[in-house]
Amino acid sequence: MIDLIKKIIPPDRWKLPVILMVGIFAGLSFFSLYISNAPSYLGDKPETCVNCHIMAPQYATWYHSSHRGKTNCNDCHVPHNNVLNKYFFKAKDGLRHATIFTLRKEPQVIFIKDAGREVVHRNCIRCHKELVTDTRLRNYSQETHNFRMSRKCWECHRETPHGTVNSLSSVPYARVPLPESPVPQWIKELLIRKTN
């Protein structure tokens, strides 16, 4: 164990540069977490989705739908079979979104990926199981049951809950909550004093 520690500790001439590099890396990491409002993604608030401006049409159309009263974005777009799978899916999807947004490669029209489609379909069934499986009816045919279970929900309910969202310009005047500024108040005050 002591030999391992000796191998990890750099020679004396490298200690200061290593400490500086670790400090810079840690500082940039914490700054990135702060500026991206990363802790907000651990929760289920729908407003978090509009931290990225490209999601404004989806937020606005959900906000004006009947689903708003009962659900949030994660109720439909994240698996609910266990907590680990939920946060794994959120992390995987979030990192992909963050990468695309950082590289400025966001498309004009957003299409859900195959993994997301499957999650949304399972969540539709999870919430609307009685409607889909005819459990309220005493005698239903197996053909009807198989037909309903083999189709995707949006084959009939294409505009639920987002309506027709074709692009960023689909809902140009939609009111969505703007993300808070990540600039600390003391910097804003400093800038105001400099301009006066």
N, C-alpha and C. Protein backbone atom coordinates (compact mmCIF):
# COMPACT_ATOMS: atom_id res chain seq x y z
N MET A 1 0.83 -1.20 0.00
CA MET A 1 0.00 0.00 0.00
C MET A 1 0.87 1.26 0.00
N ILE A 2 1.92 1.24 0.81
CA ILE A 2 2.82 2.41 0.89
C ILE A 2 3.52 2.63 -0.45
N ASP A 3 3.89 1.53 -1.12
CA ASP A 3 4.53 1.65 -2.43
C ASP A 3 3.60 2.30 -3.45
N LEU A 4 2.34 1.95 -3.38
CA LEU A 4 1.35 2.53 -4.29
C LEU A 4 1.22 4.04 -4.06
N ILE A 5 1.20 4.45 -2.79
CA ILE A 5 1.10 5.88 -2.46
C ILE A 5 2.34 6.61 -2.96
N LYS A 6 3.51 6.00 -2.81
CA LYS A 6 4.75 6.64 -3.28
C LYS A 6 4.74 6.81 -4.80
N LYS A 7 4.11 5.87 -5.51
CA LYS A 7 4.04 5.97 -6.97
C LYS A 7 3.09 7.07 -7.41
N ILE A 8 2.03 7.31 -6.64
CA ILE A 8 1.04 8.31 -6.99
C ILE A 8 1.56 9.72 -6.71
N ILE A 9 2.27 9.91 -5.61
CA ILE A 9 2.78 11.24 -5.24
C ILE A 9 3.89 11.63 -6.21
N PRO A 10 3.75 12.79 -6.84
CA PRO A 10 4.76 13.21 -7.82
C PRO A 10 6.05 13.67 -7.12
N PRO A 11 7.14 13.73 -7.86
CA PRO A 11 8.39 14.25 -7.28
C PRO A 11 8.21 15.70 -6.86
N ASP A 12 9.09 16.19 -6.01
CA ASP A 12 8.95 17.55 -5.46
C ASP A 12 8.85 18.61 -6.54
N ARG A 13 9.62 18.49 -7.62
CA ARG A 13 9.59 19.53 -8.66
C ARG A 13 8.25 19.55 -9.42
N TRP A 14 7.46 18.47 -9.32
CA TRP A 14 6.17 18.39 -10.02
C TRP A 14 4.98 18.70 -9.11
N LYS A 15 5.20 18.82 -7.81
CA LYS A 15 4.07 19.00 -6.90
C LYS A 15 3.28 20.27 -7.18
N LEU A 16 3.96 21.40 -7.34
CA LEU A 16 3.24 22.66 -7.58
C LEU A 16 2.48 22.63 -8.90
N PRO A 17 3.09 22.23 -10.02
CA PRO A 17 2.30 22.16 -11.26
C PRO A 17 1.11 21.19 -11.18
N VAL A 18 1.30 20.05 -10.51
CA VAL A 18 0.21 19.09 -10.38
C VAL A 18 -0.92 19.67 -9.54
N ILE A 19 -0.58 20.33 -8.44
CA ILE A 19 -1.59 20.95 -7.57
C ILE A 19 -2.34 22.03 -8.35
N LEU A 20 -1.60 22.84 -9.12
CA LEU A 20 -2.25 23.88 -9.93
C LEU A 20 -3.18 23.27 -10.97
N MET A 21 -2.74 22.24 -11.66
CA MET A 21 -3.56 21.61 -12.69
C MET A 21 -4.81 20.97 -12.08
N VAL A 22 -4.66 20.29 -10.95
CA VAL A 22 -5.81 19.68 -10.28
C VAL A 22 -6.78 20.77 -9.82
N GLY A 23 -6.24 21.88 -9.30
CA GLY A 23 -7.09 23.00 -8.87
C GLY A 23 -7.84 23.62 -10.03
N ILE A 24 -7.15 23.82 -11.15
CA ILE A 24 -7.80 24.40 -12.33
C ILE A 24 -8.89 23.46 -12.84
N PHE A 25 -8.58 22.17 -12.93
CA PHE A 25 -9.55 21.18 -13.40
C PHE A 25 -10.77 21.14 -12.48
N ALA A 26 -10.52 21.12 -11.16
CA ALA A 26 -11.63 21.08 -10.20
C ALA A 26 -12.47 22.36 -10.30
N GLY A 27 -11.80 23.51 -10.42
CA GLY A 27 -12.52 24.78 -10.54
C GLY A 27 -13.38 24.83 -11.79
N LEU A 28 -12.82 24.40 -12.92
CA LEU A 28 -13.59 24.38 -14.17
C LEU A 28 -14.75 23.40 -14.09
N SER A 29 -14.53 22.28 -13.42
CA SER A 29 -15.61 21.29 -13.27
C SER A 29 -16.75 21.87 -12.45
N PHE A 30 -16.44 22.49 -11.31
CA PHE A 30 -17.49 23.09 -10.48
C PHE A 30 -18.17 24.25 -11.20
N PHE A 31 -17.40 25.05 -11.94
CA PHE A 31 -17.98 26.15 -12.70
C PHE A 31 -18.93 25.62 -13.77
N SER A 32 -18.53 24.54 -14.44
CA SER A 32 -19.40 23.93 -15.47
C SER A 32 -20.69 23.42 -14.86
N LEU A 33 -20.61 22.78 -13.69
CA LEU A 33 -21.81 22.31 -13.01
C LEU A 33 -22.71 23.47 -12.62
N TYR A 34 -22.09 24.56 -12.18
CA TYR A 34 -22.86 25.73 -11.76
C TYR A 34 -23.51 26.42 -12.96
N ILE A 35 -22.73 26.68 -14.00
CA ILE A 35 -23.23 27.44 -15.15
C ILE A 35 -24.31 26.66 -15.92
N SER A 36 -24.21 25.32 -15.89
CA SER A 36 -25.19 24.50 -16.61
C SER A 36 -26.43 24.20 -15.77
N ASN A 37 -26.42 24.67 -14.53
CA ASN A 37 -27.54 24.42 -13.62
C ASN A 37 -27.77 22.92 -13.45
N ALA A 38 -26.67 22.18 -13.37
CA ALA A 38 -26.70 20.71 -13.34
C ALA A 38 -27.57 20.12 -12.24
N PRO A 39 -27.57 20.66 -11.01
CA PRO A 39 -28.41 20.04 -9.98
C PRO A 39 -29.90 20.02 -10.33
N SER A 40 -30.35 20.95 -11.16
CA SER A 40 -31.77 20.99 -11.52
C SER A 40 -32.19 19.74 -12.30
N TYR A 41 -31.25 19.09 -12.97
CA TYR A 41 -31.58 17.91 -13.78
C TYR A 41 -31.83 16.67 -12.93
N LEU A 42 -31.52 16.74 -11.64
CA LEU A 42 -31.78 15.60 -10.76
C LEU A 42 -33.26 15.53 -10.37
N GLY A 43 -33.96 16.64 -10.50
CA GLY A 43 -35.38 16.69 -10.12
C GLY A 43 -36.30 16.42 -11.30
N ASP A 44 -37.57 16.73 -11.10
CA ASP A 44 -38.59 16.46 -12.12
C ASP A 44 -39.33 17.72 -12.57
N LYS A 45 -38.79 18.91 -12.30
CA LYS A 45 -39.49 20.13 -12.69
C LYS A 45 -39.46 20.30 -14.21
N PRO A 46 -40.60 20.53 -14.83
CA PRO A 46 -40.65 20.71 -16.29
C PRO A 46 -39.86 21.93 -16.76
N GLU A 47 -39.74 22.95 -15.91
CA GLU A 47 -39.01 24.15 -16.29
C GLU A 47 -37.54 23.85 -16.58
N THR A 48 -37.02 22.77 -16.03
CA THR A 48 -35.64 22.38 -16.28
C THR A 48 -35.41 22.10 -17.76
N CYS A 49 -36.41 21.58 -18.43
CA CYS A 49 -36.25 21.23 -19.84
C CYS A 49 -36.01 22.45 -20.71
N VAL A 50 -36.45 23.63 -20.28
CA VAL A 50 -36.22 24.83 -21.08
C VAL A 50 -34.94 25.55 -20.68
N ASN A 51 -34.07 24.89 -19.88
CA ASN A 51 -32.72 25.41 -19.72
C ASN A 51 -32.06 25.46 -21.09
N CYS A 52 -32.49 24.56 -21.96
CA CYS A 52 -32.03 24.54 -23.35
C CYS A 52 -33.15 25.16 -24.18
N HIS A 53 -32.86 26.28 -24.86
CA HIS A 53 -33.91 27.03 -25.55
C HIS A 53 -34.62 26.24 -26.63
N ILE A 54 -33.98 25.22 -27.16
CA ILE A 54 -34.57 24.47 -28.27
C ILE A 54 -35.80 23.68 -27.82
N MET A 55 -35.94 23.46 -26.52
CA MET A 55 -37.09 22.71 -26.01
C MET A 55 -38.30 23.60 -25.73
N ALA A 56 -38.21 24.88 -26.02
CA ALA A 56 -39.32 25.80 -25.75
C ALA A 56 -40.63 25.37 -26.41
N PRO A 57 -40.65 24.96 -27.68
CA PRO A 57 -41.93 24.54 -28.27
C PRO A 57 -42.53 23.32 -27.56
N GLN A 58 -41.67 22.36 -27.19
CA GLN A 58 -42.19 21.18 -26.50
C GLN A 58 -42.76 21.56 -25.13
N TYR A 59 -42.07 22.45 -24.42
CA TYR A 59 -42.57 22.89 -23.12
C TYR A 59 -43.90 23.63 -23.28
N ALA A 60 -43.95 24.54 -24.24
CA ALA A 60 -45.16 25.35 -24.43
C ALA A 60 -46.36 24.48 -24.81
N THR A 61 -46.15 23.51 -25.70
CA THR A 61 -47.27 22.67 -26.11
C THR A 61 -47.71 21.74 -24.99
N TRP A 62 -46.75 21.24 -24.20
CA TRP A 62 -47.12 20.42 -23.03
C TRP A 62 -47.89 21.28 -22.02
N TYR A 63 -47.43 22.51 -21.81
CA TYR A 63 -48.03 23.41 -20.83
C TYR A 63 -49.50 23.68 -21.14
N HIS A 64 -49.85 23.69 -22.41
CA HIS A 64 -51.23 23.96 -22.81
C HIS A 64 -52.00 22.69 -23.12
N SER A 65 -51.50 21.55 -22.67
CA SER A 65 -52.19 20.29 -22.93
C SER A 65 -52.88 19.79 -21.66
N SER A 66 -53.70 18.78 -21.82
CA SER A 66 -54.39 18.19 -20.67
C SER A 66 -53.42 17.41 -19.78
N HIS A 67 -52.26 17.04 -20.29
CA HIS A 67 -51.29 16.29 -19.49
C HIS A 67 -50.63 17.15 -18.41
N ARG A 68 -50.65 18.46 -18.57
CA ARG A 68 -49.96 19.34 -17.63
C ARG A 68 -50.45 19.15 -16.20
N GLY A 69 -51.73 18.93 -16.01
CA GLY A 69 -52.27 18.81 -14.66
C GLY A 69 -51.85 17.54 -13.93
N LYS A 70 -51.44 16.52 -14.66
CA LYS A 70 -51.14 15.22 -14.04
C LYS A 70 -49.70 14.77 -14.21
N THR A 71 -48.97 15.31 -15.19
CA THR A 71 -47.64 14.77 -15.49
C THR A 71 -46.61 15.87 -15.64
N ASN A 72 -45.35 15.45 -15.66
CA ASN A 72 -44.25 16.33 -16.02
C ASN A 72 -43.44 15.61 -17.11
N CYS A 73 -42.42 16.23 -17.60
CA CYS A 73 -41.64 15.66 -18.70
C CYS A 73 -41.11 14.26 -18.38
N ASN A 74 -40.59 14.10 -17.17
CA ASN A 74 -40.00 12.82 -16.79
C ASN A 74 -41.03 11.70 -16.65
N ASP A 75 -42.27 12.03 -16.38
CA ASP A 75 -43.30 11.00 -16.29
C ASP A 75 -43.43 10.24 -17.61
N CYS A 76 -43.21 10.94 -18.71
CA CYS A 76 -43.34 10.30 -20.03
C CYS A 76 -42.00 9.87 -20.62
N HIS A 77 -40.96 10.66 -20.42
CA HIS A 77 -39.72 10.48 -21.17
C HIS A 77 -38.61 9.75 -20.43
N VAL A 78 -38.88 9.25 -19.23
CA VAL A 78 -37.86 8.54 -18.45
C VAL A 78 -38.45 7.23 -17.96
N PRO A 79 -37.67 6.14 -17.98
CA PRO A 79 -38.19 4.85 -17.48
C PRO A 79 -38.52 4.92 -15.99
N HIS A 80 -39.51 4.15 -15.59
CA HIS A 80 -39.94 4.14 -14.19
C HIS A 80 -39.89 2.74 -13.57
N ASN A 81 -39.15 1.83 -14.20
CA ASN A 81 -39.11 0.48 -13.64
C ASN A 81 -38.23 0.39 -12.40
N ASN A 82 -37.18 1.24 -12.28
CA ASN A 82 -36.41 1.36 -11.04
C ASN A 82 -35.61 2.66 -11.05
N VAL A 83 -35.17 3.07 -9.88
CA VAL A 83 -34.50 4.37 -9.72
C VAL A 83 -33.17 4.40 -10.48
N LEU A 84 -32.40 3.33 -10.44
CA LEU A 84 -31.12 3.30 -11.14
C LEU A 84 -31.30 3.47 -12.64
N ASN A 85 -32.26 2.77 -13.20
CA ASN A 85 -32.51 2.88 -14.63
C ASN A 85 -32.99 4.28 -14.99
N LYS A 86 -33.80 4.89 -14.13
CA LYS A 86 -34.30 6.25 -14.37
C LYS A 86 -33.13 7.22 -14.49
N TYR A 87 -32.23 7.21 -13.50
CA TYR A 87 -31.13 8.17 -13.51
C TYR A 87 -30.06 7.82 -14.55
N PHE A 88 -29.89 6.55 -14.85
CA PHE A 88 -28.98 6.16 -15.92
C PHE A 88 -29.49 6.71 -17.26
N PHE A 89 -30.78 6.54 -17.51
CA PHE A 89 -31.37 7.03 -18.76
C PHE A 89 -31.29 8.56 -18.84
N LYS A 90 -31.60 9.22 -17.70
CA LYS A 90 -31.51 10.69 -17.67
C LYS A 90 -30.09 11.15 -17.96
N ALA A 91 -29.10 10.48 -17.35
CA ALA A 91 -27.70 10.87 -17.56
C ALA A 91 -27.27 10.65 -19.01
N LYS A 92 -27.62 9.50 -19.54
CA LYS A 92 -27.25 9.17 -20.93
C LYS A 92 -27.88 10.15 -21.90
N ASP A 93 -29.17 10.38 -21.75
CA ASP A 93 -29.88 11.30 -22.63
C ASP A 93 -29.40 12.73 -22.43
N GLY A 94 -29.19 13.11 -21.18
CA GLY A 94 -28.74 14.46 -20.88
C GLY A 94 -27.36 14.76 -21.43
N LEU A 95 -26.45 13.79 -21.33
CA LEU A 95 -25.11 14.01 -21.88
C LEU A 95 -25.16 14.15 -23.39
N ARG A 96 -26.02 13.37 -24.03
CA ARG A 96 -26.17 13.50 -25.49
C ARG A 96 -26.73 14.87 -25.83
N HIS A 97 -27.75 15.31 -25.10
CA HIS A 97 -28.33 16.63 -25.35
C HIS A 97 -27.30 17.73 -25.11
N ALA A 98 -26.56 17.63 -24.00
CA ALA A 98 -25.57 18.66 -23.67
C ALA A 98 -24.47 18.72 -24.73
N THR A 99 -24.05 17.57 -25.22
CA THR A 99 -23.01 17.54 -26.25
C THR A 99 -23.51 18.19 -27.53
N ILE A 100 -24.70 17.83 -27.95
CA ILE A 100 -25.27 18.41 -29.17
C ILE A 100 -25.43 19.92 -29.01
N PHE A 101 -25.92 20.36 -27.86
CA PHE A 101 -26.13 21.79 -27.64
C PHE A 101 -24.81 22.54 -27.57
N THR A 102 -23.82 21.97 -26.89
CA THR A 102 -22.50 22.61 -26.76
C THR A 102 -21.83 22.75 -28.12
N LEU A 103 -21.95 21.74 -28.95
CA LEU A 103 -21.33 21.77 -30.27
C LEU A 103 -22.17 22.53 -31.29
N ARG A 104 -23.31 23.06 -30.85
CA ARG A 104 -24.22 23.82 -31.71
C ARG A 104 -24.71 22.99 -32.90
N LYS A 105 -25.01 21.72 -32.66
CA LYS A 105 -25.46 20.80 -33.69
C LYS A 105 -26.94 20.46 -33.55
N GLU A 106 -27.69 21.27 -32.78
CA GLU A 106 -29.10 20.96 -32.58
C GLU A 106 -29.86 21.12 -33.90
N PRO A 107 -30.73 20.16 -34.18
CA PRO A 107 -31.49 20.22 -35.44
C PRO A 107 -32.63 21.23 -35.35
N GLN A 108 -33.11 21.64 -36.49
CA GLN A 108 -34.25 22.55 -36.54
C GLN A 108 -35.52 21.84 -36.05
N VAL A 109 -35.64 20.56 -36.38
CA VAL A 109 -36.78 19.76 -35.95
C VAL A 109 -36.26 18.63 -35.06
N ILE A 110 -36.85 18.49 -33.89
CA ILE A 110 -36.41 17.46 -32.95
C ILE A 110 -37.22 16.19 -33.17
N PHE A 111 -36.52 15.07 -33.28
CA PHE A 111 -37.17 13.77 -33.37
C PHE A 111 -36.67 12.91 -32.22
N ILE A 112 -37.57 12.19 -31.59
CA ILE A 112 -37.21 11.33 -30.48
C ILE A 112 -36.45 10.11 -31.01
N LYS A 113 -35.44 9.69 -30.27
CA LYS A 113 -34.64 8.52 -30.66
C LYS A 113 -35.41 7.24 -30.32
N ASP A 114 -34.96 6.12 -30.88
CA ASP A 114 -35.66 4.84 -30.70
C ASP A 114 -35.79 4.44 -29.23
N ALA A 115 -34.71 4.62 -28.45
CA ALA A 115 -34.79 4.27 -27.02
C ALA A 115 -35.83 5.12 -26.32
N GLY A 116 -35.90 6.40 -26.67
CA GLY A 116 -36.88 7.29 -26.08
C GLY A 116 -38.30 6.93 -26.48
N ARG A 117 -38.47 6.51 -27.73
CA ARG A 117 -39.81 6.09 -28.19
C ARG A 117 -40.32 4.93 -27.37
N GLU A 118 -39.44 3.96 -27.13
CA GLU A 118 -39.84 2.78 -26.37
C GLU A 118 -40.23 3.17 -24.94
N VAL A 119 -39.46 4.08 -24.34
CA VAL A 119 -39.76 4.55 -22.98
C VAL A 119 -41.11 5.27 -22.95
N VAL A 120 -41.35 6.15 -23.91
CA VAL A 120 -42.61 6.88 -23.95
C VAL A 120 -43.78 5.91 -24.12
N HIS A 121 -43.62 4.94 -25.00
CA HIS A 121 -44.69 3.96 -25.23
C HIS A 121 -45.00 3.18 -23.95
N ARG A 122 -43.96 2.72 -23.26
CA ARG A 122 -44.17 1.97 -22.01
C ARG A 122 -44.84 2.85 -20.96
N ASN A 123 -44.49 4.13 -20.92
CA ASN A 123 -45.10 5.02 -19.94
C ASN A 123 -46.54 5.35 -20.29
N CYS A 124 -46.88 5.41 -21.57
CA CYS A 124 -48.29 5.58 -21.96
C CYS A 124 -49.10 4.40 -21.41
N ILE A 125 -48.59 3.22 -21.63
CA ILE A 125 -49.28 2.01 -21.16
C ILE A 125 -49.34 1.99 -19.63
N ARG A 126 -48.26 2.39 -18.98
CA ARG A 126 -48.22 2.40 -17.51
C ARG A 126 -49.33 3.29 -16.95
N CYS A 127 -49.52 4.46 -17.52
CA CYS A 127 -50.54 5.39 -17.00
C CYS A 127 -51.95 5.06 -17.48
N HIS A 128 -52.06 4.56 -18.69
CA HIS A 128 -53.38 4.35 -19.29
C HIS A 128 -53.68 2.86 -19.48
N LYS A 129 -53.19 2.04 -18.56
CA LYS A 129 -53.31 0.59 -18.69
C LYS A 129 -54.75 0.12 -18.86
N GLU A 130 -55.65 0.69 -18.09
CA GLU A 130 -57.06 0.24 -18.18
C GLU A 130 -57.65 0.53 -19.55
N LEU A 131 -57.28 1.64 -20.13
CA LEU A 131 -57.80 1.99 -21.46
C LEU A 131 -57.21 1.10 -22.55
N VAL A 132 -55.97 0.71 -22.36
CA VAL A 132 -55.26 -0.05 -23.39
C VAL A 132 -55.59 -1.54 -23.33
N THR A 133 -55.75 -2.06 -22.14
CA THR A 133 -55.89 -3.52 -22.01
C THR A 133 -57.32 -4.00 -21.81
N ASP A 134 -58.27 -3.11 -21.78
CA ASP A 134 -59.68 -3.49 -21.62
C ASP A 134 -59.94 -4.24 -20.31
N THR A 135 -59.21 -3.90 -19.26
CA THR A 135 -59.42 -4.60 -17.99
C THR A 135 -60.77 -4.29 -17.38
N ARG A 136 -61.40 -3.21 -17.79
CA ARG A 136 -62.72 -2.85 -17.26
C ARG A 136 -63.82 -3.73 -17.85
N LEU A 137 -63.56 -4.27 -19.04
CA LEU A 137 -64.57 -5.10 -19.71
C LEU A 137 -64.41 -6.55 -19.26
N ARG A 138 -65.49 -7.21 -19.02
CA ARG A 138 -65.40 -8.60 -18.55
C ARG A 138 -65.05 -9.56 -19.67
N ASN A 139 -65.60 -9.30 -20.85
CA ASN A 139 -65.29 -10.20 -21.96
C ASN A 139 -64.76 -9.39 -23.15
N TYR A 140 -63.50 -9.56 -23.41
CA TYR A 140 -62.90 -8.91 -24.57
C TYR A 140 -62.12 -9.98 -25.34
N SER A 141 -61.96 -9.75 -26.60
CA SER A 141 -61.30 -10.76 -27.42
C SER A 141 -59.78 -10.60 -27.32
N GLN A 142 -59.11 -11.70 -27.44
CA GLN A 142 -57.64 -11.68 -27.42
C GLN A 142 -57.11 -10.92 -28.64
N GLU A 143 -57.84 -10.97 -29.75
CA GLU A 143 -57.42 -10.25 -30.96
C GLU A 143 -57.37 -8.74 -30.70
N THR A 144 -58.40 -8.22 -30.04
CA THR A 144 -58.43 -6.80 -29.72
C THR A 144 -57.27 -6.43 -28.81
N HIS A 145 -57.06 -7.27 -27.81
CA HIS A 145 -55.96 -7.02 -26.87
C HIS A 145 -54.62 -7.00 -27.61
N ASN A 146 -54.36 -7.98 -28.44
CA ASN A 146 -53.09 -8.05 -29.17
C ASN A 146 -52.94 -6.87 -30.12
N PHE A 147 -54.04 -6.50 -30.78
CA PHE A 147 -54.00 -5.38 -31.70
C PHE A 147 -53.62 -4.09 -30.97
N ARG A 148 -54.23 -3.86 -29.82
CA ARG A 148 -53.93 -2.65 -29.06
C ARG A 148 -52.52 -2.66 -28.51
N MET A 149 -52.04 -3.78 -28.06
CA MET A 149 -50.72 -3.85 -27.44
C MET A 149 -49.59 -3.85 -28.48
N SER A 150 -49.87 -4.21 -29.70
CA SER A 150 -48.81 -4.29 -30.71
C SER A 150 -48.56 -2.95 -31.41
N ARG A 151 -49.44 -2.01 -31.26
CA ARG A 151 -49.29 -0.72 -31.91
C ARG A 151 -48.69 0.30 -30.96
N LYS A 152 -48.07 1.32 -31.52
CA LYS A 152 -47.56 2.42 -30.71
C LYS A 152 -48.71 3.41 -30.49
N CYS A 153 -48.74 4.01 -29.33
CA CYS A 153 -49.84 4.90 -28.96
C CYS A 153 -50.02 6.05 -29.93
N TRP A 154 -48.90 6.59 -30.44
CA TRP A 154 -48.98 7.77 -31.29
C TRP A 154 -49.41 7.46 -32.72
N GLU A 155 -49.66 6.19 -33.02
CA GLU A 155 -50.24 5.89 -34.33
C GLU A 155 -51.64 6.50 -34.42
N CYS A 156 -52.34 6.58 -33.30
CA CYS A 156 -53.65 7.21 -33.26
C CYS A 156 -53.59 8.59 -32.58
N HIS A 157 -52.76 8.71 -31.57
CA HIS A 157 -52.71 9.92 -30.74
C HIS A 157 -51.45 10.72 -31.06
N ARG A 158 -51.26 11.04 -32.31
CA ARG A 158 -50.04 11.69 -32.78
C ARG A 158 -49.77 13.03 -32.11
N GLU A 159 -50.78 13.78 -31.82
CA GLU A 159 -50.57 15.12 -31.29
C GLU A 159 -50.74 15.21 -29.77
N THR A 160 -50.63 14.09 -29.08
CA THR A 160 -50.76 14.08 -27.63
C THR A 160 -49.38 13.94 -27.02
N PRO A 161 -48.95 14.76 -26.10
CA PRO A 161 -49.54 16.00 -25.63
C PRO A 161 -48.95 17.23 -26.29
N HIS A 162 -48.04 17.06 -27.25
CA HIS A 162 -47.31 18.22 -27.77
C HIS A 162 -47.95 18.90 -28.96
N GLY A 163 -49.04 18.39 -29.46
CA GLY A 163 -49.64 19.02 -30.63
C GLY A 163 -48.74 18.88 -31.84
N THR A 164 -48.82 19.80 -32.75
CA THR A 164 -47.99 19.79 -33.94
C THR A 164 -46.80 20.71 -33.71
N VAL A 165 -45.66 20.12 -33.42
CA VAL A 165 -44.44 20.89 -33.23
C VAL A 165 -43.50 20.49 -34.35
N ASN A 166 -43.38 21.36 -35.35
CA ASN A 166 -42.55 21.03 -36.50
C ASN A 166 -41.16 21.62 -36.42
N SER A 167 -41.01 22.74 -35.72
CA SER A 167 -39.71 23.37 -35.65
C SER A 167 -39.69 24.38 -34.53
N LEU A 168 -38.56 25.08 -34.41
CA LEU A 168 -38.45 26.13 -33.40
C LEU A 168 -39.47 27.25 -33.64
N SER A 169 -39.91 27.40 -34.89
CA SER A 169 -40.85 28.46 -35.21
C SER A 169 -42.31 28.02 -35.09
N SER A 170 -42.56 26.81 -34.61
CA SER A 170 -43.93 26.31 -34.51
C SER A 170 -44.77 27.14 -33.55
N VAL A 171 -44.17 27.54 -32.46
CA VAL A 171 -44.89 28.32 -31.45
C VAL A 171 -44.05 29.56 -31.11
N PRO A 172 -43.92 30.50 -32.07
CA PRO A 172 -42.99 31.62 -31.88
C PRO A 172 -43.34 32.54 -30.72
N TYR A 173 -44.61 32.64 -30.34
CA TYR A 173 -44.99 33.55 -29.28
C TYR A 173 -45.35 32.84 -27.98
N ALA A 174 -44.94 31.61 -27.87
CA ALA A 174 -45.24 30.85 -26.66
C ALA A 174 -44.45 31.42 -25.48
N ARG A 175 -45.13 31.54 -24.37
CA ARG A 175 -44.45 32.01 -23.17
C ARG A 175 -43.89 30.80 -22.43
N VAL A 176 -42.62 30.82 -22.23
CA VAL A 176 -41.97 29.76 -21.48
C VAL A 176 -41.12 30.41 -20.40
N PRO A 177 -40.89 29.73 -19.29
CA PRO A 177 -40.05 30.33 -18.26
C PRO A 177 -38.61 30.40 -18.75
N LEU A 178 -38.03 31.58 -18.63
CA LEU A 178 -36.65 31.73 -19.04
C LEU A 178 -35.72 31.22 -17.95
N PRO A 179 -34.62 30.57 -18.31
CA PRO A 179 -33.68 30.13 -17.29
C PRO A 179 -33.08 31.32 -16.56
N GLU A 180 -32.79 31.14 -15.30
CA GLU A 180 -32.17 32.21 -14.52
C GLU A 180 -30.76 32.44 -15.02
N SER A 181 -30.30 33.67 -14.89
CA SER A 181 -28.93 34.00 -15.29
C SER A 181 -27.95 33.34 -14.34
N PRO A 182 -26.91 32.70 -14.87
CA PRO A 182 -25.92 32.07 -13.99
C PRO A 182 -24.91 33.06 -13.44
N VAL A 183 -24.97 34.34 -13.88
CA VAL A 183 -24.01 35.34 -13.43
C VAL A 183 -24.36 35.75 -12.00
N PRO A 184 -23.40 35.63 -11.07
CA PRO A 184 -23.67 36.01 -9.68
C PRO A 184 -24.02 37.50 -9.57
N GLN A 185 -24.80 37.85 -8.57
CA GLN A 185 -25.27 39.22 -8.37
C GLN A 185 -24.10 40.19 -8.20
N TRP A 186 -23.03 39.79 -7.51
CA TRP A 186 -21.91 40.71 -7.28
C TRP A 186 -21.22 41.09 -8.59
N ILE A 187 -21.21 40.20 -9.57
CA ILE A 187 -20.62 40.54 -10.87
C ILE A 187 -21.54 41.52 -11.61
N LYS A 188 -22.84 41.30 -11.54
CA LYS A 188 -23.79 42.23 -12.17
C LYS A 188 -23.63 43.63 -11.59
N GLU A 189 -23.51 43.72 -10.25
CA GLU A 189 -23.35 45.02 -9.60
C GLU A 189 -22.04 45.67 -9.99
N LEU A 190 -20.98 44.88 -10.12
CA LEU A 190 -19.68 45.38 -10.53
C LEU A 190 -19.75 45.97 -11.94
N LEU A 191 -20.44 45.26 -12.85
CA LEU A 191 -20.60 45.75 -14.22
C LEU A 191 -21.42 47.03 -14.28
N ILE A 192 -22.45 47.12 -13.44
CA ILE A 192 -23.27 48.32 -13.40
C ILE A 192 -22.44 49.51 -12.92
N ARG A 193 -21.61 49.31 -11.89
CA ARG A 193 -20.77 50.39 -11.39
C ARG A 193 -19.76 50.84 -12.44
N LYS A 194 -19.22 49.90 -13.21
CA LYS A 194 -18.22 50.25 -14.23
C LYS A 194 -18.83 51.07 -15.36
N THR A 195 -20.09 50.77 -15.71
CA THR A 195 -20.73 51.50 -16.81
C THR A 195 -21.20 52.89 -16.39
N ASN A 196 -21.36 53.11 -15.09
CA ASN A 196 -21.80 54.44 -14.61
C ASN A 196 -20.65 55.31 -14.38
